[in-house]
Amino acid sequence: MASLSISNKMVEMYFDYLRHLDSSAKKKLIIKLTESIEVKSDKKFDIESIFGAWEDNRTSDEIISEIKSSRVEKKNSAAL
């Protein structure tokens, strides 16, 4: 997400509006703003976590042969 940079005048305008909030609302706003600037660690993708997803005893040639033999031509499927 892109950052928004504002001038001191704009900050004063926001503060003028927000100063009328009660203490509870101000505290909630402070918490939200603080959380928004905290650095969050990036979780790195572990490629090894996807290993082992495919389990099969057939060879690649057997799998390819099965895929090819299970294909249906459009002409034959329309007649059914």
PDB file of N, CA and C in Angstrom:
ATOM      1  N   MET A   1       0.847  -1.167   0.000  1.00  0.00           N
ATOM      2  CA  MET A   1       0.000   0.000   0.000  1.00  0.00           C
ATOM      3  C   MET A   1       0.893   1.229   0.000  1.00  0.00           C
ATOM      4  N   ALA A   2       0.533   2.245  -0.754  1.00  0.00           N
ATOM      5  CA  ALA A   2       1.314   3.464  -0.851  1.00  0.00           C
ATOM      6  C   ALA A   2       1.133   4.320   0.397  1.00  0.00           C
ATOM      7  N   SER A   3       2.173   5.059   0.739  1.00  0.00           N
ATOM      8  CA  SER A   3       2.115   5.947   1.892  1.00  0.00           C
ATOM      9  C   SER A   3       1.603   7.309   1.466  1.00  0.00           C
ATOM     10  N   LEU A   4       0.957   7.977   2.403  1.00  0.00           N
ATOM     11  CA  LEU A   4       0.421   9.313   2.145  1.00  0.00           C
ATOM     12  C   LEU A   4       1.197  10.300   2.988  1.00  0.00           C
ATOM     13  N   SER A   5       1.763  11.299   2.359  1.00  0.00           N
ATOM     14  CA  SER A   5       2.521  12.310   3.072  1.00  0.00           C
ATOM     15  C   SER A   5       1.674  13.584   3.130  1.00  0.00           C
ATOM     16  N   ILE A   6       1.533  14.135   4.355  1.00  0.00           N
ATOM     17  CA  ILE A   6       0.717  15.339   4.492  1.00  0.00           C
ATOM     18  C   ILE A   6       1.524  16.437   5.173  1.00  0.00           C
ATOM     19  N   SER A   7       1.112  17.654   4.964  1.00  0.00           N
ATOM     20  CA  SER A   7       1.811  18.810   5.514  1.00  0.00           C
ATOM     21  C   SER A   7       1.423  19.039   6.972  1.00  0.00           C
ATOM     22  N   ASN A   8       2.190  19.893   7.652  1.00  0.00           N
ATOM     23  CA  ASN A   8       1.884  20.242   9.040  1.00  0.00           C
ATOM     24  C   ASN A   8       0.516  20.908   9.146  1.00  0.00           C
ATOM     25  N   LYS A   9       0.160  21.686   8.145  1.00  0.00           N
ATOM     26  CA  LYS A   9      -1.142  22.347   8.154  1.00  0.00           C
ATOM     27  C   LYS A   9      -2.261  21.313   8.141  1.00  0.00           C
ATOM     28  N   MET A  10      -2.073  20.283   7.362  1.00  0.00           N
ATOM     29  CA  MET A  10      -3.069  19.218   7.277  1.00  0.00           C
ATOM     30  C   MET A  10      -3.150  18.457   8.604  1.00  0.00           C
ATOM     31  N   VAL A  11      -1.999  18.212   9.225  1.00  0.00           N
ATOM     32  CA  VAL A  11      -1.969  17.542  10.527  1.00  0.00           C
ATOM     33  C   VAL A  11      -2.742  18.367  11.541  1.00  0.00           C
ATOM     34  N   GLU A  12      -2.543  19.672  11.540  1.00  0.00           N
ATOM     35  CA  GLU A  12      -3.261  20.562  12.461  1.00  0.00           C
ATOM     36  C   GLU A  12      -4.768  20.516  12.215  1.00  0.00           C
ATOM     37  N   MET A  13      -5.156  20.412  10.964  1.00  0.00           N
ATOM     38  CA  MET A  13      -6.591  20.326  10.638  1.00  0.00           C
ATOM     39  C   MET A  13      -7.183  19.033  11.197  1.00  0.00           C
ATOM     40  N   TYR A  14      -6.464  17.921  11.005  1.00  0.00           N
ATOM     41  CA  TYR A  14      -6.933  16.645  11.561  1.00  0.00           C
ATOM     42  C   TYR A  14      -7.011  16.709  13.077  1.00  0.00           C
ATOM     43  N   PHE A  15      -5.962  17.278  13.704  1.00  0.00           N
ATOM     44  CA  PHE A  15      -5.942  17.355  15.156  1.00  0.00           C
ATOM     45  C   PHE A  15      -7.077  18.218  15.680  1.00  0.00           C
ATOM     46  N   ASP A  16      -7.378  19.282  14.997  1.00  0.00           N
ATOM     47  CA  ASP A  16      -8.474  20.167  15.413  1.00  0.00           C
ATOM     48  C   ASP A  16      -9.795  19.396  15.429  1.00  0.00           C
ATOM     49  N   TYR A  17      -9.965  18.527  14.492  1.00  0.00           N
ATOM     50  CA  TYR A  17     -11.181  17.698  14.442  1.00  0.00           C
ATOM     51  C   TYR A  17     -11.156  16.630  15.532  1.00  0.00           C
ATOM     52  N   LEU A  18     -10.002  15.978  15.708  1.00  0.00           N
ATOM     53  CA  LEU A  18      -9.891  14.845  16.628  1.00  0.00           C
ATOM     54  C   LEU A  18      -9.794  15.239  18.101  1.00  0.00           C
ATOM     55  N   ARG A  19      -9.424  16.482  18.395  1.00  0.00           N
ATOM     56  CA  ARG A  19      -9.256  16.887  19.796  1.00  0.00           C
ATOM     57  C   ARG A  19     -10.567  16.881  20.558  1.00  0.00           C
ATOM     58  N   HIS A  20     -11.688  16.870  19.854  1.00  0.00           N
ATOM     59  CA  HIS A  20     -13.000  16.858  20.489  1.00  0.00           C
ATOM     60  C   HIS A  20     -13.457  15.454  20.872  1.00  0.00           C
ATOM     61  N   LEU A  21     -12.690  14.435  20.498  1.00  0.00           N
ATOM     62  CA  LEU A  21     -13.034  13.064  20.855  1.00  0.00           C
ATOM     63  C   LEU A  21     -12.832  12.831  22.349  1.00  0.00           C
ATOM     64  N   ASP A  22     -13.562  11.883  22.892  1.00  0.00           N
ATOM     65  CA  ASP A  22     -13.360  11.555  24.310  1.00  0.00           C
ATOM     66  C   ASP A  22     -12.064  10.758  24.475  1.00  0.00           C
ATOM     67  N   SER A  23     -11.629  10.585  25.712  1.00  0.00           N
ATOM     68  CA  SER A  23     -10.341   9.935  26.001  1.00  0.00           C
ATOM     69  C   SER A  23     -10.293   8.512  25.469  1.00  0.00           C
ATOM     70  N   SER A  24     -11.388   7.777  25.585  1.00  0.00           N
ATOM     71  CA  SER A  24     -11.425   6.403  25.120  1.00  0.00           C
ATOM     72  C   SER A  24     -11.203   6.322  23.612  1.00  0.00           C
ATOM     73  N   ALA A  25     -11.863   7.176  22.874  1.00  0.00           N
ATOM     74  CA  ALA A  25     -11.712   7.190  21.418  1.00  0.00           C
ATOM     75  C   ALA A  25     -10.295   7.590  21.025  1.00  0.00           C
ATOM     76  N   LYS A  26      -9.718   8.540  21.759  1.00  0.00           N
ATOM     77  CA  LYS A  26      -8.344   8.967  21.469  1.00  0.00           C
ATOM     78  C   LYS A  26      -7.363   7.817  21.707  1.00  0.00           C
ATOM     79  N   LYS A  27      -7.570   7.064  22.801  1.00  0.00           N
ATOM     80  CA  LYS A  27      -6.691   5.934  23.096  1.00  0.00           C
ATOM     81  C   LYS A  27      -6.785   4.876  22.002  1.00  0.00           C
ATOM     82  N   LYS A  28      -8.008   4.594  21.545  1.00  0.00           N
ATOM     83  CA  LYS A  28      -8.189   3.615  20.473  1.00  0.00           C
ATOM     84  C   LYS A  28      -7.490   4.074  19.201  1.00  0.00           C
ATOM     85  N   LEU A  29      -7.585   5.363  18.919  1.00  0.00           N
ATOM     86  CA  LEU A  29      -6.933   5.922  17.730  1.00  0.00           C
ATOM     87  C   LEU A  29      -5.416   5.823  17.857  1.00  0.00           C
ATOM     88  N   ILE A  30      -4.889   6.106  19.047  1.00  0.00           N
ATOM     89  CA  ILE A  30      -3.442   5.999  19.276  1.00  0.00           C
ATOM     90  C   ILE A  30      -2.975   4.560  19.056  1.00  0.00           C
ATOM     91  N   ILE A  31      -3.738   3.611  19.578  1.00  0.00           N
ATOM     92  CA  ILE A  31      -3.384   2.198  19.406  1.00  0.00           C
ATOM     93  C   ILE A  31      -3.371   1.817  17.934  1.00  0.00           C
ATOM     94  N   LYS A  32      -4.409   2.214  17.210  1.00  0.00           N
ATOM     95  CA  LYS A  32      -4.482   1.901  15.775  1.00  0.00           C
ATOM     96  C   LYS A  32      -3.312   2.524  15.016  1.00  0.00           C
ATOM     97  N   LEU A  33      -2.999   3.770  15.310  1.00  0.00           N
ATOM     98  CA  LEU A  33      -1.894   4.441  14.620  1.00  0.00           C
ATOM     99  C   LEU A  33      -0.556   3.790  14.960  1.00  0.00           C
ATOM    100  N   THR A  34      -0.386   3.416  16.232  1.00  0.00           N
ATOM    101  CA  THR A  34       0.850   2.760  16.646  1.00  0.00           C
ATOM    102  C   THR A  34       1.011   1.418  15.952  1.00  0.00           C
ATOM    103  N   GLU A  35      -0.054   0.648  15.897  1.00  0.00           N
ATOM    104  CA  GLU A  35       0.000  -0.650  15.217  1.00  0.00           C
ATOM    105  C   GLU A  35       0.315  -0.495  13.737  1.00  0.00           C
ATOM    106  N   SER A  36      -0.146   0.595  13.138  1.00  0.00           N
ATOM    107  CA  SER A  36       0.066   0.786  11.698  1.00  0.00           C
ATOM    108  C   SER A  36       1.512   1.115  11.351  1.00  0.00           C
ATOM    109  N   ILE A  37       2.298   1.577  12.341  1.00  0.00           N
ATOM    110  CA  ILE A  37       3.695   1.917  12.040  1.00  0.00           C
ATOM    111  C   ILE A  37       4.672   0.872  12.549  1.00  0.00           C
ATOM    112  N   GLU A  38       4.203  -0.123  13.293  1.00  0.00           N
ATOM    113  CA  GLU A  38       5.087  -1.172  13.769  1.00  0.00           C
ATOM    114  C   GLU A  38       5.553  -2.022  12.602  1.00  0.00           C
ATOM    115  N   VAL A  39       6.815  -2.384  12.634  1.00  0.00           N
ATOM    116  CA  VAL A  39       7.401  -3.197  11.572  1.00  0.00           C
ATOM    117  C   VAL A  39       6.984  -4.644  11.801  1.00  0.00           C
ATOM    118  N   LYS A  40       6.388  -5.224  10.797  1.00  0.00           N
ATOM    119  CA  LYS A  40       5.978  -6.614  10.874  1.00  0.00           C
ATOM    120  C   LYS A  40       6.962  -7.445  10.078  1.00  0.00           C
ATOM    121  N   SER A  41       7.368  -8.564  10.659  1.00  0.00           N
ATOM    122  CA  SER A  41       8.326  -9.419   9.971  1.00  0.00           C
ATOM    123  C   SER A  41       7.637 -10.130   8.811  1.00  0.00           C
ATOM    124  N   ASP A  42       8.348 -10.189   7.712  1.00  0.00           N
ATOM    125  CA  ASP A  42       7.829 -10.885   6.535  1.00  0.00           C
ATOM    126  C   ASP A  42       8.020 -12.377   6.719  1.00  0.00           C
ATOM    127  N   LYS A  43       6.964 -13.122   6.496  1.00  0.00           N
ATOM    128  CA  LYS A  43       7.078 -14.568   6.545  1.00  0.00           C
ATOM    129  C   LYS A  43       7.615 -15.030   5.197  1.00  0.00           C
ATOM    130  N   LYS A  44       8.700 -15.784   5.244  1.00  0.00           N
ATOM    131  CA  LYS A  44       9.289 -16.280   4.008  1.00  0.00           C
ATOM    132  C   LYS A  44       8.602 -17.577   3.611  1.00  0.00           C
ATOM    133  N   PHE A  45       8.389 -17.715   2.339  1.00  0.00           N
ATOM    134  CA  PHE A  45       7.764 -18.915   1.805  1.00  0.00           C
ATOM    135  C   PHE A  45       8.776 -20.038   1.801  1.00  0.00           C
ATOM    136  N   ASP A  46       8.417 -21.149   2.399  1.00  0.00           N
ATOM    137  CA  ASP A  46       9.289 -22.314   2.460  1.00  0.00           C
ATOM    138  C   ASP A  46       8.871 -23.289   1.363  1.00  0.00           C
ATOM    139  N   ILE A  47       9.670 -23.376   0.310  1.00  0.00           N
ATOM    140  CA  ILE A  47       9.345 -24.230  -0.834  1.00  0.00           C
ATOM    141  C   ILE A  47       9.257 -25.687  -0.423  1.00  0.00           C
ATOM    142  N   GLU A  48       9.983 -26.080   0.591  1.00  0.00           N
ATOM    143  CA  GLU A  48       9.966 -27.467   1.031  1.00  0.00           C
ATOM    144  C   GLU A  48       8.615 -27.861   1.629  1.00  0.00           C
ATOM    145  N   SER A  49       7.823 -26.875   2.025  1.00  0.00           N
ATOM    146  CA  SER A  49       6.519 -27.180   2.618  1.00  0.00           C
ATOM    147  C   SER A  49       5.552 -27.780   1.597  1.00  0.00           C
ATOM    148  N   ILE A  50       5.829 -27.627   0.303  1.00  0.00           N
ATOM    149  CA  ILE A  50       4.931 -28.192  -0.705  1.00  0.00           C
ATOM    150  C   ILE A  50       5.438 -29.516  -1.268  1.00  0.00           C
ATOM    151  N   PHE A  51       6.622 -29.917  -0.869  1.00  0.00           N
ATOM    152  CA  PHE A  51       7.148 -31.202  -1.328  1.00  0.00           C
ATOM    153  C   PHE A  51       6.294 -32.337  -0.790  1.00  0.00           C
ATOM    154  N   GLY A  52       6.164 -33.383  -1.575  1.00  0.00           N
ATOM    155  CA  GLY A  52       5.417 -34.544  -1.131  1.00  0.00           C
ATOM    156  C   GLY A  52       3.928 -34.430  -1.354  1.00  0.00           C
ATOM    157  N   ALA A  53       3.503 -33.396  -2.043  1.00  0.00           N
ATOM    158  CA  ALA A  53       2.080 -33.208  -2.267  1.00  0.00           C
ATOM    159  C   ALA A  53       1.515 -34.261  -3.211  1.00  0.00           C
ATOM    160  N   TRP A  54       2.331 -34.767  -4.123  1.00  0.00           N
ATOM    161  CA  TRP A  54       1.874 -35.755  -5.100  1.00  0.00           C
ATOM    162  C   TRP A  54       2.458 -37.101  -4.719  1.00  0.00           C
ATOM    163  N   GLU A  55       1.592 -38.057  -4.419  1.00  0.00           N
ATOM    164  CA  GLU A  55       2.061 -39.392  -4.092  1.00  0.00           C
ATOM    165  C   GLU A  55       1.474 -40.371  -5.098  1.00  0.00           C
ATOM    166  N   ASP A  56       2.367 -41.086  -5.784  1.00  0.00           N
ATOM    167  CA  ASP A  56       1.929 -42.029  -6.798  1.00  0.00           C
ATOM    168  C   ASP A  56       3.046 -43.021  -7.043  1.00  0.00           C
ATOM    169  N   ASN A  57       2.683 -44.266  -7.251  1.00  0.00           N
ATOM    170  CA  ASN A  57       3.692 -45.305  -7.491  1.00  0.00           C
ATOM    171  C   ASN A  57       3.988 -45.486  -8.976  1.00  0.00           C
ATOM    172  N   ARG A  58       3.193 -44.848  -9.817  1.00  0.00           N
ATOM    173  CA  ARG A  58       3.389 -44.998 -11.261  1.00  0.00           C
ATOM    174  C   ARG A  58       4.567 -44.160 -11.741  1.00  0.00           C
ATOM    175  N   THR A  59       5.145 -44.571 -12.850  1.00  0.00           N
ATOM    176  CA  THR A  59       6.211 -43.784 -13.462  1.00  0.00           C
ATOM    177  C   THR A  59       5.570 -42.640 -14.234  1.00  0.00           C
ATOM    178  N   SER A  60       6.371 -41.681 -14.615  1.00  0.00           N
ATOM    179  CA  SER A  60       5.845 -40.547 -15.378  1.00  0.00           C
ATOM    180  C   SER A  60       5.286 -41.010 -16.722  1.00  0.00           C
ATOM    181  N   ASP A  61       5.925 -41.994 -17.347  1.00  0.00           N
ATOM    182  CA  ASP A  61       5.429 -42.514 -18.624  1.00  0.00           C
ATOM    183  C   ASP A  61       4.053 -43.169 -18.465  1.00  0.00           C
ATOM    184  N   GLU A  62       3.845 -43.885 -17.358  1.00  0.00           N
ATOM    185  CA  GLU A  62       2.544 -44.507 -17.109  1.00  0.00           C
ATOM    186  C   GLU A  62       1.460 -43.455 -16.887  1.00  0.00           C
ATOM    187  N   ILE A  63       1.799 -42.401 -16.180  1.00  0.00           N
ATOM    188  CA  ILE A  63       0.829 -41.322 -15.929  1.00  0.00           C
ATOM    189  C   ILE A  63       0.470 -40.627 -17.233  1.00  0.00           C
ATOM    190  N   ILE A  64       1.465 -40.334 -18.044  1.00  0.00           N
ATOM    191  CA  ILE A  64       1.223 -39.672 -19.329  1.00  0.00           C
ATOM    192  C   ILE A  64       0.365 -40.552 -20.221  1.00  0.00           C
ATOM    193  N   SER A  65       0.672 -41.824 -20.258  1.00  0.00           N
ATOM    194  CA  SER A  65      -0.105 -42.770 -21.066  1.00  0.00           C
ATOM    195  C   SER A  65      -1.566 -42.808 -20.616  1.00  0.00           C
ATOM    196  N   GLU A  66      -1.788 -42.810 -19.303  1.00  0.00           N
ATOM    197  CA  GLU A  66      -3.157 -42.834 -18.774  1.00  0.00           C
ATOM    198  C   GLU A  66      -3.918 -41.553 -19.121  1.00  0.00           C
ATOM    199  N   ILE A  67      -3.243 -40.433 -19.037  1.00  0.00           N
ATOM    200  CA  ILE A  67      -3.880 -39.149 -19.383  1.00  0.00           C
ATOM    201  C   ILE A  67      -4.276 -39.136 -20.850  1.00  0.00           C
ATOM    202  N   LYS A  68      -3.360 -39.565 -21.702  1.00  0.00           N
ATOM    203  CA  LYS A  68      -3.640 -39.579 -23.134  1.00  0.00           C
ATOM    204  C   LYS A  68      -4.774 -40.536 -23.477  1.00  0.00           C
ATOM    205  N   SER A  69      -4.817 -41.687 -22.826  1.00  0.00           N
ATOM    206  CA  SER A  69      -5.857 -42.672 -23.140  1.00  0.00           C
ATOM    207  C   SER A  69      -7.232 -42.257 -22.613  1.00  0.00           C
ATOM    208  N   SER A  70      -7.267 -41.354 -21.639  1.00  0.00           N
ATOM    209  CA  SER A  70      -8.554 -40.937 -21.085  1.00  0.00           C
ATOM    210  C   SER A  70      -9.159 -39.737 -21.815  1.00  0.00           C
ATOM    211  N   ARG A  71      -8.445 -39.205 -22.786  1.00  0.00           N
ATOM    212  CA  ARG A  71      -8.961 -38.062 -23.558  1.00  0.00           C
ATOM    213  C   ARG A  71     -10.144 -38.489 -24.416  1.00  0.00           C
ATOM    214  N   VAL A  72     -11.093 -37.587 -24.561  1.00  0.00           N
ATOM    215  CA  VAL A  72     -12.282 -37.847 -25.357  1.00  0.00           C
ATOM    216  C   VAL A  72     -12.323 -36.801 -26.469  1.00  0.00           C
ATOM    217  N   GLU A  73     -12.541 -37.271 -27.687  1.00  0.00           N
ATOM    218  CA  GLU A  73     -12.650 -36.331 -28.805  1.00  0.00           C
ATOM    219  C   GLU A  73     -14.017 -35.678 -28.792  1.00  0.00           C
ATOM    220  N   LYS A  74     -14.082 -34.449 -29.265  1.00  0.00           N
ATOM    221  CA  LYS A  74     -15.346 -33.713 -29.283  1.00  0.00           C
ATOM    222  C   LYS A  74     -16.391 -34.387 -30.164  1.00  0.00           C
ATOM    223  N   LYS A  75     -15.960 -34.989 -31.260  1.00  0.00           N
ATOM    224  CA  LYS A  75     -16.891 -35.656 -32.176  1.00  0.00           C
ATOM    225  C   LYS A  75     -17.572 -36.829 -31.469  1.00  0.00           C
ATOM    226  N   ASN A  76     -16.788 -37.588 -30.718  1.00  0.00           N
ATOM    227  CA  ASN A  76     -17.356 -38.750 -30.020  1.00  0.00           C
ATOM    228  C   ASN A  76     -18.248 -38.346 -28.869  1.00  0.00           C
ATOM    229  N   SER A  77     -17.893 -37.288 -28.153  1.00  0.00           N
ATOM    230  CA  SER A  77     -18.675 -36.882 -26.993  1.00  0.00           C
ATOM    231  C   SER A  77     -20.001 -36.253 -27.417  1.00  0.00           C
ATOM    232  N   ALA A  78     -20.064 -35.640 -28.595  1.00  0.00           N
ATOM    233  CA  ALA A  78     -21.311 -35.023 -29.063  1.00  0.00           C
ATOM    234  C   ALA A  78     -22.316 -36.079 -29.452  1.00  0.00           C
ATOM    235  N   ALA A  79     -21.842 -37.239 -29.944  1.00  0.00           N
ATOM    236  CA  ALA A  79     -22.734 -38.304 -30.376  1.00  0.00           C
ATOM    237  C   ALA A  79     -23.351 -39.040 -29.194  1.00  0.00           C
ATOM    238  N   LEU A  80     -22.741 -38.933 -28.025  1.00  0.00           N
ATOM    239  CA  LEU A  80     -23.257 -39.645 -26.848  1.00  0.00           C
ATOM    240  C   LEU A  80     -24.418 -38.923 -26.331  1.00  0.00           C
TER     241      LEU A  80
END
